[in-house]
Amino acid sequence: MHDLSWQKKLTQGFSSAAQLLSFLELPVSEEYLAEQQFASRVPLSFARRMKKGNPRDPLLLQVLASSAELNQHQAFSLDPLQEAKANPLTGLIHKYHGRVLVTLTGACAVNCRYCFRRHFPYQANNPGTSGLNAIMTYIRADENISEVILSGGDPLLAANGVFKKLLTALTGIAHVHTLRIHTRIPVVFPERIDEEWLSLLAGCSLNKVVVLHTNHAQELDEQVEQVCQQLRTAGCHLLNQSVLLAGINDKAETLAELSQALFAAGVLPYYLHLLDKVQGAAHFDVSLKEAKAIHQRMQALLPGYLVPRLATEEPGKPHKTLLIDA
């Protein structure tokens, strides 16, 4: 019998809070109306890392729809980073000097409830073939662009054929030196990383950086570690960014454990982000004062190279803001 394709395996995941809670042997305690605004999506392999019977499981809390998402907060918005102002072409965001971001697809393998793009107009920003051609023309015309960042959604949900065309186009642009891929898939859905995709990546002559998104050490298992090794073998530098989330990883000891687990998997902790203030995610917010205290405690627990930079993104600024202890 042939192994199932990664596309087929993705359909075996959970598309409602009720399904997921049943799998985890937990009661269904509300109607989960927030799913009407932002759908639930959780791969089976990620759900298997959650502890059955534990309603406070740190992986579950990242993906479980909550009535708290329906509360409106004045300091939170639909577009917290004001990306619409830096969206010159369908599927292209150009905010920072020297680099552009391509939203290759609006799809994700998992819908994290704190996602800052949970309200992003992906349908209007799905580039398709003609849109990607226009993006390549834009990049060719601006010799200041040396780095192309693939994001989404999750760019790894694009078909291998799309990647092949994209990599061929980018390697043909002399002033583009670096390909950066922001993805959660190697962690939440490692089955996606197939030999064909790895071969395409290994054959790409650009500098290759893969930025994972991991928030808790429990997310990392043997299969994820194996995929990280495959990515390194394909010539990728592996970094990680986390989001500081109330009730999930807002303790220095929890984050120190994550840094150590990442390093054991060959991944360097890179950023620890404050929550982007998107409507529907206020219940995850950690105050700046508390964040700085947590980060300072991490510095006492870890060697410097395992302490991620505490950062936030402010609309209109030409770079991320590093939150240095005073």
C-alpha atoms as a PDB file:
ATOM      1  CA  MET A   1       0.000   0.000   0.000  1.00  0.00           C
ATOM      2  CA  HIS A   2       1.330   3.455  -0.929  1.00  0.00           C
ATOM      3  CA  ASP A   3       1.833   6.036   1.792  1.00  0.00           C
ATOM      4  CA  LEU A   4      -0.785   8.761   1.809  1.00  0.00           C
ATOM      5  CA  SER A   5       0.248  12.044   0.205  1.00  0.00           C
ATOM      6  CA  TRP A   6       0.823  14.964   2.546  1.00  0.00           C
ATOM      7  CA  GLN A   7      -2.248  16.630   1.059  1.00  0.00           C
ATOM      8  CA  LYS A   8      -4.373  13.641   2.059  1.00  0.00           C
ATOM      9  CA  LYS A   9      -2.851  13.520   5.532  1.00  0.00           C
ATOM     10  CA  LEU A  10      -3.702  17.180   5.999  1.00  0.00           C
ATOM     11  CA  THR A  11      -7.394  16.404   5.487  1.00  0.00           C
ATOM     12  CA  GLN A  12      -7.250  13.966   8.420  1.00  0.00           C
ATOM     13  CA  GLY A  13      -6.889  16.837  10.870  1.00  0.00           C
ATOM     14  CA  PHE A  14      -9.560  18.543  12.950  1.00  0.00           C
ATOM     15  CA  SER A  15     -11.773  21.317  11.598  1.00  0.00           C
ATOM     16  CA  SER A  16     -13.769  22.106  14.729  1.00  0.00           C
ATOM     17  CA  ALA A  17     -13.150  22.568  18.428  1.00  0.00           C
ATOM     18  CA  ALA A  18     -15.717  19.863  19.190  1.00  0.00           C
ATOM     19  CA  GLN A  19     -13.826  17.282  17.104  1.00  0.00           C
ATOM     20  CA  LEU A  20     -10.523  18.146  18.741  1.00  0.00           C
ATOM     21  CA  LEU A  21     -11.928  18.076  22.276  1.00  0.00           C
ATOM     22  CA  SER A  22     -13.544  14.703  21.632  1.00  0.00           C
ATOM     23  CA  PHE A  23     -10.187  13.329  20.460  1.00  0.00           C
ATOM     24  CA  LEU A  24      -8.551  14.680  23.634  1.00  0.00           C
ATOM     25  CA  GLU A  25     -11.300  13.198  25.836  1.00  0.00           C
ATOM     26  CA  LEU A  26     -12.364  16.634  27.031  1.00  0.00           C
ATOM     27  CA  PRO A  27     -15.906  18.031  27.415  1.00  0.00           C
ATOM     28  CA  VAL A  28     -17.389  20.400  24.859  1.00  0.00           C
ATOM     29  CA  SER A  29     -18.217  23.344  27.114  1.00  0.00           C
ATOM     30  CA  GLU A  30     -19.485  26.050  24.732  1.00  0.00           C
ATOM     31  CA  GLU A  31     -20.697  26.618  21.189  1.00  0.00           C
ATOM     32  CA  TYR A  32     -17.310  27.945  19.996  1.00  0.00           C
ATOM     33  CA  LEU A  33     -18.943  30.732  18.002  1.00  0.00           C
ATOM     34  CA  ALA A  34     -15.499  32.232  17.370  1.00  0.00           C
ATOM     35  CA  GLU A  35     -15.050  29.554  14.707  1.00  0.00           C
ATOM     36  CA  GLN A  36     -17.531  31.472  12.562  1.00  0.00           C
ATOM     37  CA  GLN A  37     -15.035  34.355  12.404  1.00  0.00           C
ATOM     38  CA  PHE A  38     -11.836  32.299  12.252  1.00  0.00           C
ATOM     39  CA  ALA A  39     -12.090  28.614  11.405  1.00  0.00           C
ATOM     40  CA  SER A  40     -10.490  25.865  13.475  1.00  0.00           C
ATOM     41  CA  ARG A  41      -7.759  23.826  11.810  1.00  0.00           C
ATOM     42  CA  VAL A  42      -5.422  21.419  13.622  1.00  0.00           C
ATOM     43  CA  PRO A  43      -3.322  18.632  12.026  1.00  0.00           C
ATOM     44  CA  LEU A  44      -3.605  15.186  13.587  1.00  0.00           C
ATOM     45  CA  SER A  45       0.144  14.948  14.191  1.00  0.00           C
ATOM     46  CA  PHE A  46       0.071  18.182  16.220  1.00  0.00           C
ATOM     47  CA  ALA A  47      -2.986  17.068  18.195  1.00  0.00           C
ATOM     48  CA  ARG A  48      -1.210  13.827  19.111  1.00  0.00           C
ATOM     49  CA  ARG A  49       1.365  15.880  21.030  1.00  0.00           C
ATOM     50  CA  MET A  50      -1.373  17.288  23.266  1.00  0.00           C
ATOM     51  CA  LYS A  51      -2.020  15.531  26.564  1.00  0.00           C
ATOM     52  CA  LYS A  52      -5.432  13.899  26.677  1.00  0.00           C
ATOM     53  CA  GLY A  53      -7.651  15.003  29.518  1.00  0.00           C
ATOM     54  CA  ASN A  54      -5.721  18.242  30.121  1.00  0.00           C
ATOM     55  CA  PRO A  55      -7.827  21.340  29.346  1.00  0.00           C
ATOM     56  CA  ARG A  56      -4.790  23.576  30.014  1.00  0.00           C
ATOM     57  CA  ASP A  57      -2.457  21.802  27.610  1.00  0.00           C
ATOM     58  CA  PRO A  58      -0.170  24.514  26.148  1.00  0.00           C
ATOM     59  CA  LEU A  59      -0.564  23.237  22.595  1.00  0.00           C
ATOM     60  CA  LEU A  60      -4.340  22.999  22.888  1.00  0.00           C
ATOM     61  CA  LEU A  61      -4.662  26.549  24.209  1.00  0.00           C
ATOM     62  CA  GLN A  62      -2.901  27.908  21.115  1.00  0.00           C
ATOM     63  CA  VAL A  63      -5.513  26.449  18.755  1.00  0.00           C
ATOM     64  CA  LEU A  64      -8.762  26.091  20.726  1.00  0.00           C
ATOM     65  CA  ALA A  65     -11.444  28.618  19.767  1.00  0.00           C
ATOM     66  CA  SER A  66     -12.670  30.638  22.727  1.00  0.00           C
ATOM     67  CA  SER A  67     -15.576  32.970  23.455  1.00  0.00           C
ATOM     68  CA  ALA A  68     -12.923  35.469  24.607  1.00  0.00           C
ATOM     69  CA  GLU A  69     -12.137  36.045  20.923  1.00  0.00           C
ATOM     70  CA  LEU A  70     -15.523  37.710  20.485  1.00  0.00           C
ATOM     71  CA  ASN A  71     -14.709  40.519  22.928  1.00  0.00           C
ATOM     72  CA  GLN A  72     -13.754  43.820  21.313  1.00  0.00           C
ATOM     73  CA  HIS A  73     -10.784  45.762  22.711  1.00  0.00           C
ATOM     74  CA  GLN A  74     -10.037  49.368  21.838  1.00  0.00           C
ATOM     75  CA  ALA A  75      -6.256  48.897  21.600  1.00  0.00           C
ATOM     76  CA  PHE A  76      -6.632  45.944  19.217  1.00  0.00           C
ATOM     77  CA  SER A  77      -7.342  46.132  15.476  1.00  0.00           C
ATOM     78  CA  LEU A  78      -8.010  44.011  12.391  1.00  0.00           C
ATOM     79  CA  ASP A  79      -4.668  45.016  10.843  1.00  0.00           C
ATOM     80  CA  PRO A  80      -2.322  45.620  13.792  1.00  0.00           C
ATOM     81  CA  LEU A  81       0.797  46.005  11.633  1.00  0.00           C
ATOM     82  CA  GLN A  82      -0.966  48.143   8.988  1.00  0.00           C
ATOM     83  CA  GLU A  83       0.236  45.823   6.248  1.00  0.00           C
ATOM     84  CA  ALA A  84      -2.402  47.106   3.838  1.00  0.00           C
ATOM     85  CA  LYS A  85      -0.340  50.305   3.522  1.00  0.00           C
ATOM     86  CA  ALA A  86       2.686  48.305   2.314  1.00  0.00           C
ATOM     87  CA  ASN A  87       0.892  46.074  -0.183  1.00  0.00           C
ATOM     88  CA  PRO A  88       1.890  47.440  -3.632  1.00  0.00           C
ATOM     89  CA  LEU A  89       0.951  44.275  -5.535  1.00  0.00           C
ATOM     90  CA  THR A  90      -1.325  41.324  -4.936  1.00  0.00           C
ATOM     91  CA  GLY A  91       0.610  38.940  -2.682  1.00  0.00           C
ATOM     92  CA  LEU A  92       3.500  41.342  -1.999  1.00  0.00           C
ATOM     93  CA  ILE A  93       4.312  43.304   1.163  1.00  0.00           C
ATOM     94  CA  HIS A  94       7.224  45.755   0.984  1.00  0.00           C
ATOM     95  CA  LYS A  95       7.755  47.370   4.386  1.00  0.00           C
ATOM     96  CA  TYR A  96      11.486  47.206   4.971  1.00  0.00           C
ATOM     97  CA  HIS A  97      14.535  48.268   2.973  1.00  0.00           C
ATOM     98  CA  GLY A  98      16.251  45.467   1.091  1.00  0.00           C
ATOM     99  CA  ARG A  99      13.593  42.804   1.484  1.00  0.00           C
ATOM    100  CA  VAL A 100      10.082  41.963   0.387  1.00  0.00           C
ATOM    101  CA  LEU A 101       7.541  39.488   1.708  1.00  0.00           C
ATOM    102  CA  VAL A 102       5.478  37.281  -0.593  1.00  0.00           C
ATOM    103  CA  THR A 103       2.212  35.839   0.765  1.00  0.00           C
ATOM    104  CA  LEU A 104       2.464  32.716  -1.337  1.00  0.00           C
ATOM    105  CA  THR A 105      -0.789  31.242  -0.031  1.00  0.00           C
ATOM    106  CA  GLY A 106      -3.467  32.168   2.467  1.00  0.00           C
ATOM    107  CA  ALA A 107      -3.765  28.594   3.723  1.00  0.00           C
ATOM    108  CA  CYS A 108      -2.240  27.275   6.945  1.00  0.00           C
ATOM    109  CA  ALA A 109      -1.901  23.751   8.297  1.00  0.00           C
ATOM    110  CA  VAL A 110      -2.956  25.072  11.701  1.00  0.00           C
ATOM    111  CA  ASN A 111      -4.968  28.131  12.671  1.00  0.00           C
ATOM    112  CA  CYS A 112      -3.346  29.641  15.749  1.00  0.00           C
ATOM    113  CA  ARG A 113      -5.903  31.715  17.612  1.00  0.00           C
ATOM    114  CA  TYR A 114      -3.420  34.577  18.243  1.00  0.00           C
ATOM    115  CA  CYS A 115      -2.511  34.915  14.535  1.00  0.00           C
ATOM    116  CA  PHE A 116      -1.917  38.577  13.629  1.00  0.00           C
ATOM    117  CA  ARG A 117      -3.159  37.865  10.097  1.00  0.00           C
ATOM    118  CA  ARG A 118      -6.407  36.213  11.179  1.00  0.00           C
ATOM    119  CA  HIS A 119      -8.299  39.063   9.453  1.00  0.00           C
ATOM    120  CA  PHE A 120      -5.897  39.467   6.517  1.00  0.00           C
ATOM    121  CA  PRO A 121      -7.702  39.595   3.109  1.00  0.00           C
ATOM    122  CA  TYR A 122      -5.984  36.518   1.693  1.00  0.00           C
ATOM    123  CA  GLN A 123      -8.476  36.019  -1.124  1.00  0.00           C
ATOM    124  CA  ALA A 124      -7.631  39.460  -2.435  1.00  0.00           C
ATOM    125  CA  ASN A 125      -3.922  38.751  -1.936  1.00  0.00           C
ATOM    126  CA  ASN A 126      -3.590  35.329  -3.532  1.00  0.00           C
ATOM    127  CA  PRO A 127      -1.115  36.089  -6.333  1.00  0.00           C
ATOM    128  CA  GLY A 128      -1.650  33.026  -8.540  1.00  0.00           C
ATOM    129  CA  THR A 129       0.626  32.492 -11.540  1.00  0.00           C
ATOM    130  CA  SER A 130       0.064  35.908 -13.113  1.00  0.00           C
ATOM    131  CA  GLY A 131       0.518  37.621  -9.763  1.00  0.00           C
ATOM    132  CA  LEU A 132       3.809  35.825  -9.114  1.00  0.00           C
ATOM    133  CA  ASN A 133       5.042  36.936 -12.527  1.00  0.00           C
ATOM    134  CA  ALA A 134       4.201  40.536 -11.595  1.00  0.00           C
ATOM    135  CA  ILE A 135       6.009  40.118  -8.270  1.00  0.00           C
ATOM    136  CA  MET A 136       9.138  38.838 -10.041  1.00  0.00           C
ATOM    137  CA  THR A 137       9.020  41.862 -12.355  1.00  0.00           C
ATOM    138  CA  TYR A 138       8.769  44.144  -9.295  1.00  0.00           C
ATOM    139  CA  ILE A 139      11.759  42.459  -7.640  1.00  0.00           C
ATOM    140  CA  ARG A 140      13.869  42.589 -10.820  1.00  0.00           C
ATOM    141  CA  ALA A 141      13.202  46.327 -11.111  1.00  0.00           C
ATOM    142  CA  ASP A 142      14.436  47.145  -7.591  1.00  0.00           C
ATOM    143  CA  GLU A 143      18.114  46.333  -7.162  1.00  0.00           C
ATOM    144  CA  ASN A 144      17.911  47.202  -3.464  1.00  0.00           C
ATOM    145  CA  ILE A 145      15.975  43.987  -2.851  1.00  0.00           C
ATOM    146  CA  SER A 146      18.472  41.335  -1.776  1.00  0.00           C
ATOM    147  CA  GLU A 147      16.184  39.100   0.285  1.00  0.00           C
ATOM    148  CA  VAL A 148      12.814  37.545  -0.518  1.00  0.00           C
ATOM    149  CA  ILE A 149      10.707  36.276   2.369  1.00  0.00           C
ATOM    150  CA  LEU A 150       8.038  33.647   1.768  1.00  0.00           C
ATOM    151  CA  SER A 151       5.145  33.833   4.187  1.00  0.00           C
ATOM    152  CA  GLY A 152       1.401  33.376   4.196  1.00  0.00           C
ATOM    153  CA  GLY A 153      -0.619  31.656   5.449  1.00  0.00           C
ATOM    154  CA  ASP A 154       2.091  29.084   5.359  1.00  0.00           C
ATOM    155  CA  PRO A 155       4.184  29.043   2.181  1.00  0.00           C
ATOM    156  CA  LEU A 156       4.948  25.347   2.568  1.00  0.00           C
ATOM    157  CA  LEU A 157       1.347  24.538   1.644  1.00  0.00           C
ATOM    158  CA  ALA A 158       2.112  25.660  -1.909  1.00  0.00           C
ATOM    159  CA  ALA A 159       2.656  22.782  -4.331  1.00  0.00           C
ATOM    160  CA  ASN A 160       6.194  21.685  -5.154  1.00  0.00           C
ATOM    161  CA  GLY A 161       5.681  22.870  -8.730  1.00  0.00           C
ATOM    162  CA  VAL A 162       5.018  26.408  -7.512  1.00  0.00           C
ATOM    163  CA  PHE A 163       8.213  26.299  -5.451  1.00  0.00           C
ATOM    164  CA  LYS A 164      10.213  25.069  -8.427  1.00  0.00           C
ATOM    165  CA  LYS A 165       9.060  27.972 -10.612  1.00  0.00           C
ATOM    166  CA  LEU A 166       9.639  30.471  -7.820  1.00  0.00           C
ATOM    167  CA  LEU A 167      13.148  29.255  -7.004  1.00  0.00           C
ATOM    168  CA  THR A 168      14.080  29.230 -10.691  1.00  0.00           C
ATOM    169  CA  ALA A 169      12.891  32.830 -11.065  1.00  0.00           C
ATOM    170  CA  LEU A 170      14.616  34.082  -7.911  1.00  0.00           C
ATOM    171  CA  THR A 171      17.971  32.464  -8.667  1.00  0.00           C
ATOM    172  CA  GLY A 172      17.887  34.262 -12.011  1.00  0.00           C
ATOM    173  CA  ILE A 173      17.809  37.695 -10.350  1.00  0.00           C
ATOM    174  CA  ALA A 174      21.403  38.776  -9.704  1.00  0.00           C
ATOM    175  CA  HIS A 175      20.698  41.134  -6.801  1.00  0.00           C
ATOM    176  CA  VAL A 176      18.663  38.571  -4.818  1.00  0.00           C
ATOM    177  CA  HIS A 177      20.996  36.692  -2.480  1.00  0.00           C
ATOM    178  CA  THR A 178      18.806  35.270   0.272  1.00  0.00           C
ATOM    179  CA  LEU A 179      15.588  33.267   0.450  1.00  0.00           C
ATOM    180  CA  ARG A 180      13.884  33.302   3.821  1.00  0.00           C
ATOM    181  CA  ILE A 181      10.921  31.046   4.587  1.00  0.00           C
ATOM    182  CA  HIS A 182       8.669  31.705   7.573  1.00  0.00           C
ATOM    183  CA  THR A 183       6.768  28.546   8.406  1.00  0.00           C
ATOM    184  CA  ARG A 184       5.086  26.612  11.185  1.00  0.00           C
ATOM    185  CA  ILE A 185       4.710  23.451   9.097  1.00  0.00           C
ATOM    186  CA  PRO A 186       7.927  21.600  10.056  1.00  0.00           C
ATOM    187  CA  VAL A 187       6.641  21.776  13.643  1.00  0.00           C
ATOM    188  CA  VAL A 188       2.878  21.296  13.333  1.00  0.00           C
ATOM    189  CA  PHE A 189       2.764  19.141  10.183  1.00  0.00           C
ATOM    190  CA  PRO A 190       6.214  17.636   9.473  1.00  0.00           C
ATOM    191  CA  GLU A 191       4.714  15.155   6.995  1.00  0.00           C
ATOM    192  CA  ARG A 192       4.671  17.969   4.443  1.00  0.00           C
ATOM    193  CA  ILE A 193       8.466  17.971   4.120  1.00  0.00           C
ATOM    194  CA  ASP A 194       8.881  15.440   1.309  1.00  0.00           C
ATOM    195  CA  GLU A 195      11.968  14.393  -0.643  1.00  0.00           C
ATOM    196  CA  GLU A 196      10.981  16.340  -3.762  1.00  0.00           C
ATOM    197  CA  TRP A 197      10.655  19.597  -1.838  1.00  0.00           C
ATOM    198  CA  LEU A 198      13.928  19.003   0.013  1.00  0.00           C
ATOM    199  CA  SER A 199      15.655  18.310  -3.304  1.00  0.00           C
ATOM    200  CA  LEU A 200      14.379  21.605  -4.729  1.00  0.00           C
ATOM    201  CA  LEU A 201      15.659  23.445  -1.692  1.00  0.00           C
ATOM    202  CA  ALA A 202      19.034  21.695  -1.718  1.00  0.00           C
ATOM    203  CA  GLY A 203      19.486  22.632  -5.379  1.00  0.00           C
ATOM    204  CA  CYS A 204      18.800  26.319  -4.758  1.00  0.00           C
ATOM    205  CA  SER A 205      22.011  28.382  -4.795  1.00  0.00           C
ATOM    206  CA  LEU A 206      20.626  31.248  -2.689  1.00  0.00           C
ATOM    207  CA  ASN A 207      21.400  31.662   0.994  1.00  0.00           C
ATOM    208  CA  LYS A 208      18.524  29.814   2.668  1.00  0.00           C
ATOM    209  CA  VAL A 209      17.031  30.717   6.021  1.00  0.00           C
ATOM    210  CA  VAL A 210      14.053  28.880   7.515  1.00  0.00           C
ATOM    211  CA  VAL A 211      12.392  30.650  10.431  1.00  0.00           C
ATOM    212  CA  LEU A 212      10.269  28.242  12.438  1.00  0.00           C
ATOM    213  CA  HIS A 213       7.485  29.307  14.746  1.00  0.00           C
ATOM    214  CA  THR A 214       7.516  27.318  17.985  1.00  0.00           C
ATOM    215  CA  ASN A 215       6.118  28.472  21.311  1.00  0.00           C
ATOM    216  CA  HIS A 216       6.552  25.514  23.664  1.00  0.00           C
ATOM    217  CA  ALA A 217       9.014  22.636  24.029  1.00  0.00           C
ATOM    218  CA  GLN A 218       6.135  20.147  23.912  1.00  0.00           C
ATOM    219  CA  GLU A 219       5.757  20.969  20.207  1.00  0.00           C
ATOM    220  CA  LEU A 220       9.126  19.369  19.440  1.00  0.00           C
ATOM    221  CA  ASP A 221       9.190  15.589  19.057  1.00  0.00           C
ATOM    222  CA  GLU A 222      11.446  13.089  17.282  1.00  0.00           C
ATOM    223  CA  GLN A 223       9.754  13.591  13.908  1.00  0.00           C
ATOM    224  CA  VAL A 224      10.174  17.377  14.102  1.00  0.00           C
ATOM    225  CA  GLU A 225      13.834  16.957  15.055  1.00  0.00           C
ATOM    226  CA  GLN A 226      14.333  14.669  12.050  1.00  0.00           C
ATOM    227  CA  VAL A 227      12.807  17.255   9.709  1.00  0.00           C
ATOM    228  CA  CYS A 228      15.081  19.939  11.168  1.00  0.00           C
ATOM    229  CA  GLN A 229      18.057  17.719  10.379  1.00  0.00           C
ATOM    230  CA  GLN A 230      16.796  17.293   6.799  1.00  0.00           C
ATOM    231  CA  LEU A 231      16.458  21.058   6.408  1.00  0.00           C
ATOM    232  CA  ARG A 232      20.002  21.590   7.640  1.00  0.00           C
ATOM    233  CA  THR A 233      21.266  18.912   5.240  1.00  0.00           C
ATOM    234  CA  ALA A 234      19.532  20.843   2.434  1.00  0.00           C
ATOM    235  CA  GLY A 235      21.661  23.860   3.348  1.00  0.00           C
ATOM    236  CA  CYS A 236      19.221  25.853   5.471  1.00  0.00           C
ATOM    237  CA  HIS A 237      20.049  28.008   8.474  1.00  0.00           C
ATOM    238  CA  LEU A 238      17.343  27.364  11.081  1.00  0.00           C
ATOM    239  CA  LEU A 239      16.019  30.077  13.380  1.00  0.00           C
ATOM    240  CA  ASN A 240      12.961  30.196  15.620  1.00  0.00           C
ATOM    241  CA  GLN A 241      10.588  32.928  16.636  1.00  0.00           C
ATOM    242  CA  SER A 242       8.073  32.622  19.444  1.00  0.00           C
ATOM    243  CA  VAL A 243       5.162  34.723  20.596  1.00  0.00           C
ATOM    244  CA  LEU A 244       4.843  35.423  24.318  1.00  0.00           C
ATOM    245  CA  LEU A 245       1.404  34.066  25.218  1.00  0.00           C
ATOM    246  CA  ALA A 246      -0.426  34.391  28.534  1.00  0.00           C
ATOM    247  CA  GLY A 247      -1.110  31.028  30.146  1.00  0.00           C
ATOM    248  CA  ILE A 248       1.004  29.153  27.599  1.00  0.00           C
ATOM    249  CA  ASN A 249       4.661  30.198  27.764  1.00  0.00           C
ATOM    250  CA  ASP A 250       4.724  33.270  30.005  1.00  0.00           C
ATOM    251  CA  LYS A 251       7.288  31.833  32.418  1.00  0.00           C
ATOM    252  CA  ALA A 252      11.051  32.147  32.017  1.00  0.00           C
ATOM    253  CA  GLU A 253      11.550  28.484  32.878  1.00  0.00           C
ATOM    254  CA  THR A 254       9.125  27.410  30.140  1.00  0.00           C
ATOM    255  CA  LEU A 255      10.896  29.537  27.550  1.00  0.00           C
ATOM    256  CA  ALA A 256      14.328  28.373  28.729  1.00  0.00           C
ATOM    257  CA  GLU A 257      13.218  24.775  28.222  1.00  0.00           C
ATOM    258  CA  LEU A 258      12.059  25.710  24.715  1.00  0.00           C
ATOM    259  CA  SER A 259      15.406  27.327  23.872  1.00  0.00           C
ATOM    260  CA  GLN A 260      17.278  24.234  25.010  1.00  0.00           C
ATOM    261  CA  ALA A 261      14.987  21.913  23.041  1.00  0.00           C
ATOM    262  CA  LEU A 262      15.356  24.058  19.921  1.00  0.00           C
ATOM    263  CA  PHE A 263      19.135  24.071  20.193  1.00  0.00           C
ATOM    264  CA  ALA A 264      19.150  20.277  20.584  1.00  0.00           C
ATOM    265  CA  ALA A 265      17.209  20.139  17.289  1.00  0.00           C
ATOM    266  CA  GLY A 266      19.726  22.427  15.573  1.00  0.00           C
ATOM    267  CA  VAL A 267      17.568  25.569  15.717  1.00  0.00           C
ATOM    268  CA  LEU A 268      18.748  28.893  17.132  1.00  0.00           C
ATOM    269  CA  PRO A 269      16.247  30.952  19.172  1.00  0.00           C
ATOM    270  CA  TYR A 270      15.904  34.262  17.330  1.00  0.00           C
ATOM    271  CA  TYR A 271      12.952  36.408  18.417  1.00  0.00           C
ATOM    272  CA  LEU A 272      10.524  36.400  21.316  1.00  0.00           C
ATOM    273  CA  HIS A 273       7.695  38.626  20.106  1.00  0.00           C
ATOM    274  CA  LEU A 274       5.173  40.526  22.115  1.00  0.00           C
ATOM    275  CA  LEU A 275       1.679  39.719  20.901  1.00  0.00           C
ATOM    276  CA  ASP A 276       0.591  41.742  17.877  1.00  0.00           C
ATOM    277  CA  LYS A 277      -2.605  43.439  18.988  1.00  0.00           C
ATOM    278  CA  VAL A 278      -5.084  41.823  16.633  1.00  0.00           C
ATOM    279  CA  GLN A 279      -8.800  41.739  17.442  1.00  0.00           C
ATOM    280  CA  GLY A 280      -9.712  38.356  18.903  1.00  0.00           C
ATOM    281  CA  ALA A 281      -6.417  37.702  20.667  1.00  0.00           C
ATOM    282  CA  ALA A 282      -6.428  40.070  23.650  1.00  0.00           C
ATOM    283  CA  HIS A 283      -6.691  37.187  26.133  1.00  0.00           C
ATOM    284  CA  PHE A 284      -3.175  36.083  25.094  1.00  0.00           C
ATOM    285  CA  ASP A 285      -1.588  39.468  25.835  1.00  0.00           C
ATOM    286  CA  VAL A 286       1.308  39.820  28.280  1.00  0.00           C
ATOM    287  CA  SER A 287       2.204  43.309  29.522  1.00  0.00           C
ATOM    288  CA  LEU A 288       5.478  44.922  28.503  1.00  0.00           C
ATOM    289  CA  LYS A 289       6.588  45.109  32.143  1.00  0.00           C
ATOM    290  CA  GLU A 290       5.969  41.403  32.666  1.00  0.00           C
ATOM    291  CA  ALA A 291       7.609  40.527  29.334  1.00  0.00           C
ATOM    292  CA  LYS A 292      10.784  42.383  30.299  1.00  0.00           C
ATOM    293  CA  ALA A 293      10.887  40.631  33.677  1.00  0.00           C
ATOM    294  CA  ILE A 294      10.505  37.230  31.993  1.00  0.00           C
ATOM    295  CA  HIS A 295      13.221  38.047  29.479  1.00  0.00           C
ATOM    296  CA  GLN A 296      15.591  39.240  32.208  1.00  0.00           C
ATOM    297  CA  ARG A 297      15.033  35.993  34.100  1.00  0.00           C
ATOM    298  CA  MET A 298      15.786  34.028  30.909  1.00  0.00           C
ATOM    299  CA  GLN A 299      19.159  35.762  30.712  1.00  0.00           C
ATOM    300  CA  ALA A 300      19.967  34.401  34.160  1.00  0.00           C
ATOM    301  CA  LEU A 301      18.951  30.869  33.147  1.00  0.00           C
ATOM    302  CA  LEU A 302      20.579  30.560  29.723  1.00  0.00           C
ATOM    303  CA  PRO A 303      23.817  31.285  27.880  1.00  0.00           C
ATOM    304  CA  GLY A 304      23.496  34.408  25.736  1.00  0.00           C
ATOM    305  CA  TYR A 305      23.240  32.554  22.426  1.00  0.00           C
ATOM    306  CA  LEU A 306      20.083  30.780  23.628  1.00  0.00           C
ATOM    307  CA  VAL A 307      18.266  33.949  24.711  1.00  0.00           C
ATOM    308  CA  PRO A 308      15.987  35.174  21.905  1.00  0.00           C
ATOM    309  CA  ARG A 309      15.701  38.901  21.337  1.00  0.00           C
ATOM    310  CA  LEU A 310      12.595  40.389  22.913  1.00  0.00           C
ATOM    311  CA  ALA A 311      10.931  42.420  20.183  1.00  0.00           C
ATOM    312  CA  THR A 312       7.770  44.030  18.945  1.00  0.00           C
ATOM    313  CA  GLU A 313       6.699  45.364  15.584  1.00  0.00           C
ATOM    314  CA  GLU A 314       5.391  48.909  15.380  1.00  0.00           C
ATOM    315  CA  PRO A 315       3.515  50.128  12.289  1.00  0.00           C
ATOM    316  CA  GLY A 316       5.474  52.619  10.224  1.00  0.00           C
ATOM    317  CA  LYS A 317       8.878  51.857  11.716  1.00  0.00           C
ATOM    318  CA  PRO A 318      11.610  50.703   9.286  1.00  0.00           C
ATOM    319  CA  HIS A 319      12.592  47.804  11.558  1.00  0.00           C
ATOM    320  CA  LYS A 320      11.415  45.743  14.506  1.00  0.00           C
ATOM    321  CA  THR A 321      11.756  47.358  17.923  1.00  0.00           C
ATOM    322  CA  LEU A 322      14.098  45.521  20.281  1.00  0.00           C
ATOM    323  CA  LEU A 323      13.004  45.835  23.893  1.00  0.00           C
ATOM    324  CA  ILE A 324      16.282  46.257  25.728  1.00  0.00           C
ATOM    325  CA  ASP A 325      16.268  46.098  29.512  1.00  0.00           C
ATOM    326  CA  ALA A 326      16.805  49.545  31.006  1.00  0.00           C
END
